[in-house]
Protein backbone atom coordinates (compact mmCIF):
# COMPACT_ATOMS: atom_id res chain seq x y z
CA MET A 1 3.02 39.01 4.54
CA VAL A 2 0.84 41.91 2.85
CA ASP A 3 -2.66 43.03 3.84
CA ASP A 4 -4.63 46.01 4.33
CA ASP A 5 -2.99 47.21 7.68
CA HIS A 6 0.08 46.37 6.75
CA PRO A 7 0.66 46.98 2.97
CA GLY A 8 4.27 45.91 2.88
CA PRO A 9 6.98 47.34 0.22
CA ALA A 10 5.74 49.50 -2.74
CA LEU A 11 4.13 47.50 -5.36
CA HIS A 12 5.59 47.68 -8.78
CA LEU A 13 3.46 46.65 -11.67
CA GLY A 14 4.70 45.75 -15.23
CA VAL A 15 2.38 44.83 -17.92
CA LEU A 16 3.80 43.30 -21.24
CA LEU A 17 1.64 42.98 -24.52
CA ASP A 18 2.45 41.24 -27.71
CA VAL A 19 0.86 43.21 -30.26
CA SER A 20 2.50 41.49 -33.26
CA GLU A 21 1.10 39.93 -36.31
CA SER A 22 0.30 36.68 -34.66
CA MET A 23 -2.03 38.26 -32.27
CA GLY A 24 -3.99 39.85 -34.58
CA GLU A 25 -7.49 37.96 -33.69
CA ASP A 26 -6.44 38.01 -29.87
CA MET A 27 -6.03 42.01 -30.22
CA THR A 28 -9.43 42.95 -28.44
CA PHE A 29 -9.59 40.20 -25.84
CA THR A 30 -5.68 41.73 -25.05
CA LYS A 31 -6.69 45.09 -24.76
CA THR A 32 -9.76 44.41 -22.70
CA ALA A 33 -7.81 41.86 -20.29
CA SER A 34 -5.25 44.33 -19.57
CA ILE A 35 -7.13 47.35 -18.90
CA LYS A 36 -9.33 44.72 -16.71
CA PHE A 37 -6.52 43.69 -14.40
CA LEU A 38 -5.00 47.37 -14.30
CA ASN A 39 -8.48 48.42 -12.44
CA ARG A 40 -7.70 45.53 -10.18
CA LEU A 41 -4.72 46.79 -8.92
CA LEU A 42 -5.03 50.80 -8.06
CA ASP A 43 -2.56 50.64 -5.05
CA ALA A 44 0.34 49.92 -7.39
CA VAL A 45 3.06 53.20 -7.02
CA ASP A 46 3.55 52.57 -10.96
CA ILE A 47 2.87 50.88 -13.62
CA THR A 48 5.74 49.93 -16.54
CA VAL A 49 4.32 49.21 -20.07
CA VAL A 50 6.24 47.43 -22.72
CA ASP A 51 4.40 46.43 -25.81
CA PHE A 52 5.94 44.49 -28.68
CA ASP A 53 6.33 43.35 -31.97
CA THR A 54 9.60 43.65 -34.13
CA GLU A 55 10.40 45.98 -31.86
CA VAL A 56 10.33 46.60 -27.96
CA ARG A 57 8.84 49.84 -26.84
CA ALA A 58 8.77 50.71 -22.71
CA ALA A 59 6.91 53.39 -20.59
CA ARG A 60 6.69 53.81 -16.98
CA TYR A 61 3.26 55.58 -15.61
CA SER A 62 2.20 56.76 -12.33
CA GLN A 63 -1.68 55.82 -11.40
CA ASN A 64 -1.89 59.57 -12.02
CA GLU A 65 -1.25 59.09 -15.47
CA PHE A 66 -3.92 55.92 -15.47
CA ALA A 67 -6.15 57.43 -18.37
CA ARG A 68 -3.00 57.95 -20.90
CA LEU A 69 -2.11 54.34 -20.15
CA VAL A 70 -5.55 53.00 -20.90
CA GLU A 71 -5.67 55.04 -24.16
CA ARG A 72 -2.03 54.07 -25.30
CA ILE A 73 -3.27 50.28 -24.61
CA ARG A 74 -6.40 51.22 -26.65
CA GLN A 75 -4.49 52.47 -29.86
CA LYS A 76 -2.57 49.20 -30.20
CA LYS A 77 -2.65 47.37 -33.47
CA ALA A 78 -1.09 43.82 -34.45
CA SER A 79 1.73 43.88 -36.61
CA GLY A 80 5.20 43.00 -37.42
CA PHE A 81 7.37 39.91 -35.92
CA THR A 82 7.44 38.84 -32.14
CA ALA A 83 10.31 39.84 -29.69
CA LEU A 84 8.66 38.36 -27.16
CA TYR A 85 12.29 37.53 -24.96
CA ASP A 86 13.74 40.49 -25.59
CA ALA A 87 10.53 42.25 -24.18
CA ILE A 88 10.97 40.88 -20.93
CA GLY A 89 14.38 41.39 -20.83
CA VAL A 90 14.02 44.87 -21.37
CA TYR A 91 11.23 45.13 -18.79
CA LEU A 92 13.66 43.12 -16.16
CA ASP A 93 16.54 45.44 -16.72
CA GLY A 94 14.36 48.34 -15.85
CA ALA A 95 12.79 46.50 -12.64
CA ALA A 96 16.31 45.91 -11.53
CA GLY A 97 16.50 49.41 -10.44
CA GLN A 98 13.25 49.67 -8.34
CA ASP A 99 12.93 48.86 -4.56
CA GLY A 100 9.97 46.54 -3.07
CA ARG A 101 7.57 44.13 -4.84
CA LYS A 102 7.48 43.38 -8.81
CA VAL A 103 4.71 41.62 -10.79
CA MET A 104 4.50 41.42 -14.04
CA LEU A 105 1.67 40.45 -16.40
CA LEU A 106 2.20 38.99 -19.81
CA TYR A 107 0.03 38.95 -22.46
CA THR A 108 1.39 36.86 -25.57
CA ASP A 109 0.66 33.92 -27.45
CA GLY A 110 4.08 32.68 -26.17
CA GLY A 111 5.65 32.65 -29.84
CA ASP A 112 8.74 34.32 -30.33
CA THR A 113 9.98 35.14 -34.18
CA ARG A 114 12.58 38.01 -33.70
CA SER A 115 14.46 37.98 -29.88
CA ALA A 116 18.44 38.19 -29.97
CA ILE A 117 18.13 36.57 -26.55
CA PRO A 118 17.45 32.98 -26.84
CA PHE A 119 14.96 31.11 -24.51
CA HIS A 120 17.68 29.67 -22.07
CA GLU A 121 19.18 32.80 -21.51
CA LEU A 122 15.93 34.01 -20.81
CA THR A 123 15.12 31.89 -18.09
CA ASP A 124 18.67 32.74 -16.30
CA LEU A 125 17.53 36.34 -16.02
CA LEU A 126 14.06 35.52 -14.65
CA LYS A 127 15.91 33.24 -12.03
CA ALA A 128 18.54 36.06 -11.54
CA SER A 129 15.72 38.81 -11.08
CA ASP A 130 13.06 39.34 -8.19
CA VAL A 131 10.10 39.69 -10.20
CA THR A 132 7.19 37.32 -10.34
CA VAL A 133 5.33 36.77 -13.61
CA TYR A 134 2.26 35.59 -14.41
CA SER A 135 1.38 34.72 -17.84
CA ILE A 136 -1.55 35.15 -19.90
CA GLY A 137 -1.23 32.67 -22.81
CA LEU A 138 -3.70 33.21 -25.90
CA LEU A 139 -3.07 29.75 -27.54
CA GLU A 140 -6.79 29.29 -29.23
CA HIS A 141 -5.94 30.74 -32.56
CA GLN A 142 -2.40 29.07 -32.76
CA PRO A 143 -1.68 26.24 -34.67
CA PRO A 144 -1.67 22.82 -32.63
CA SER A 145 1.75 21.84 -34.08
CA ILE A 146 3.26 24.70 -31.70
CA ARG A 147 0.76 25.44 -28.97
CA THR A 148 2.16 22.79 -26.80
CA ASP A 149 5.86 23.79 -26.84
CA GLN A 150 4.32 27.45 -26.28
CA ARG A 151 2.05 26.71 -23.61
CA MET A 152 5.30 24.70 -21.80
CA LYS A 153 7.40 28.10 -21.91
CA LEU A 154 4.77 30.03 -20.78
CA GLN A 155 4.15 27.97 -17.73
CA GLN A 156 8.12 27.71 -17.07
CA MET A 157 8.52 31.45 -17.32
CA ALA A 158 5.96 31.90 -14.54
CA GLU A 159 6.81 29.14 -12.32
CA ILE A 160 10.37 29.71 -12.30
CA THR A 161 9.67 33.29 -10.55
CA GLY A 162 6.91 31.79 -7.81
CA GLY A 163 4.30 33.05 -10.57
CA GLN A 164 1.89 31.14 -12.81
CA ALA A 165 0.17 31.15 -15.86
CA PHE A 166 -3.16 30.69 -17.24
CA PHE A 167 -4.65 30.42 -20.48
CA PRO A 168 -8.69 31.91 -20.43
CA THR A 169 -10.35 31.80 -23.83
CA VAL A 170 -13.33 34.33 -23.02
CA VAL A 171 -13.49 37.32 -21.27
CA ARG A 172 -15.70 35.96 -18.61
CA ASP A 173 -12.67 33.71 -17.48
CA LEU A 174 -10.75 36.72 -16.40
CA ASP A 175 -12.22 37.50 -13.49
CA SER A 176 -11.76 34.13 -11.52
CA VAL A 177 -7.85 34.64 -13.15
CA TYR A 178 -7.66 38.01 -11.57
CA ASP A 179 -9.26 36.93 -8.42
CA LYS A 180 -6.23 34.21 -7.98
CA VAL A 181 -3.46 36.84 -8.84
CA VAL A 182 -4.68 39.50 -6.90
CA ALA A 183 -5.08 37.07 -3.88
CA GLN A 184 -1.30 35.56 -4.52
CA ILE A 185 0.03 39.28 -4.66
CA ARG A 186 -1.86 40.12 -1.35
CA ALA A 187 -0.61 37.24 0.56
CA GLN A 188 3.05 37.13 -0.45
CA TYR A 189 5.40 37.17 1.96
CA THR A 190 9.19 37.74 2.02
CA ILE A 191 11.65 35.35 3.84
CA GLY A 192 15.33 35.68 4.09
CA TYR A 193 17.91 33.00 5.73
CA LEU A 194 21.70 33.22 5.66
CA SER A 195 23.18 30.42 3.72
CA SER A 196 25.77 28.27 5.39
CA ASN A 197 27.22 27.47 1.85
CA GLU A 198 30.50 29.59 1.51
CA LYS A 199 30.96 29.28 -2.39
CA THR A 200 31.64 31.96 -4.75
CA ASP A 201 31.07 30.12 -7.62
CA GLY A 202 27.92 32.08 -8.93
CA GLY A 203 26.07 28.63 -9.09
CA TRP A 204 22.67 27.95 -8.63
CA ARG A 205 21.03 27.00 -5.50
CA LYS A 206 17.58 25.43 -5.01
CA VAL A 207 15.17 26.55 -2.84
CA GLU A 208 12.42 24.56 -1.48
CA ILE A 209 9.70 26.02 1.07
CA LYS A 210 7.49 23.44 2.84
CA VAL A 211 4.71 24.97 5.41
CA VAL A 212 3.45 22.68 7.91
CA ARG A 213 -0.08 23.58 9.77
CA LYS A 214 -1.04 22.22 13.43
CA ASP A 215 -4.55 21.19 11.83
CA GLY A 216 -3.37 19.38 9.14
CA ARG A 217 -4.52 21.08 6.51
CA ASP A 218 -2.93 21.10 2.98
CA LEU A 219 -1.26 24.45 2.28
CA ARG A 220 -0.11 25.01 -1.79
CA VAL A 221 3.36 27.34 -1.41
CA ARG A 222 4.10 29.21 -4.79
CA SER A 223 8.12 30.79 -4.51
CA ARG A 224 10.88 30.86 -6.44
CA LYS A 225 12.83 27.93 -7.03
CA GLY A 226 16.07 29.00 -6.22
CA TYR A 227 18.71 31.93 -6.58
CA PHE A 228 22.59 32.38 -8.02
CA GLY A 229 25.07 32.42 -5.24
CA PRO A 230 27.79 35.32 -4.95
CA TYR A 231 30.58 35.22 -7.26
CA LYS A 232 33.97 36.14 -7.05
CA LYS A 233 36.88 35.66 -9.55
CA PRO A 234 39.20 32.80 -8.44
């Protein structure tokens, strides 16, 4: 568990910003939203920013470089296609070498028009990672014909990592969203166990966590849905 007296493992924060042309009407909101969130988690040891359009650009900042980070975000303009899945892949690759808790906040409309990584491979990468994803979906200016599909994908990417997707429409909605995200980050537990499954086929193993309270009150648990078992060539 993470609390003020026992802060737990180091917190590594990732912020992914969709700056493609389809985000044109939402860029002001995205910049405000991301900076607002960064000000809520000043105890992160570092912040990795990945902004993407046709290309993917990544950089890692310490808290001492916060001013430079904010300026980078403020200067972004919307243009190009959308390499959303590739951008997530780049972040996951960099996060794999970090020790501690890893939280990624994604700001996007959920569309992808450029990536080399298909969606089904991206979900496997997310399952294999130890990153918790929170999606901030900006769908208000998206065509109704694709809005439902993009919403479902953003929800799926978050939920398989134990995170959550949100769909705010105005800046004032962000405070309640961030209250929930920060509360979940502060309340994280790390639980380990030894599996009795001796197979080494690399298969997906589902995990379900249930919590029972003596007072009978209901608790909502958000957790990863499982993990890939070890793999050894026959």
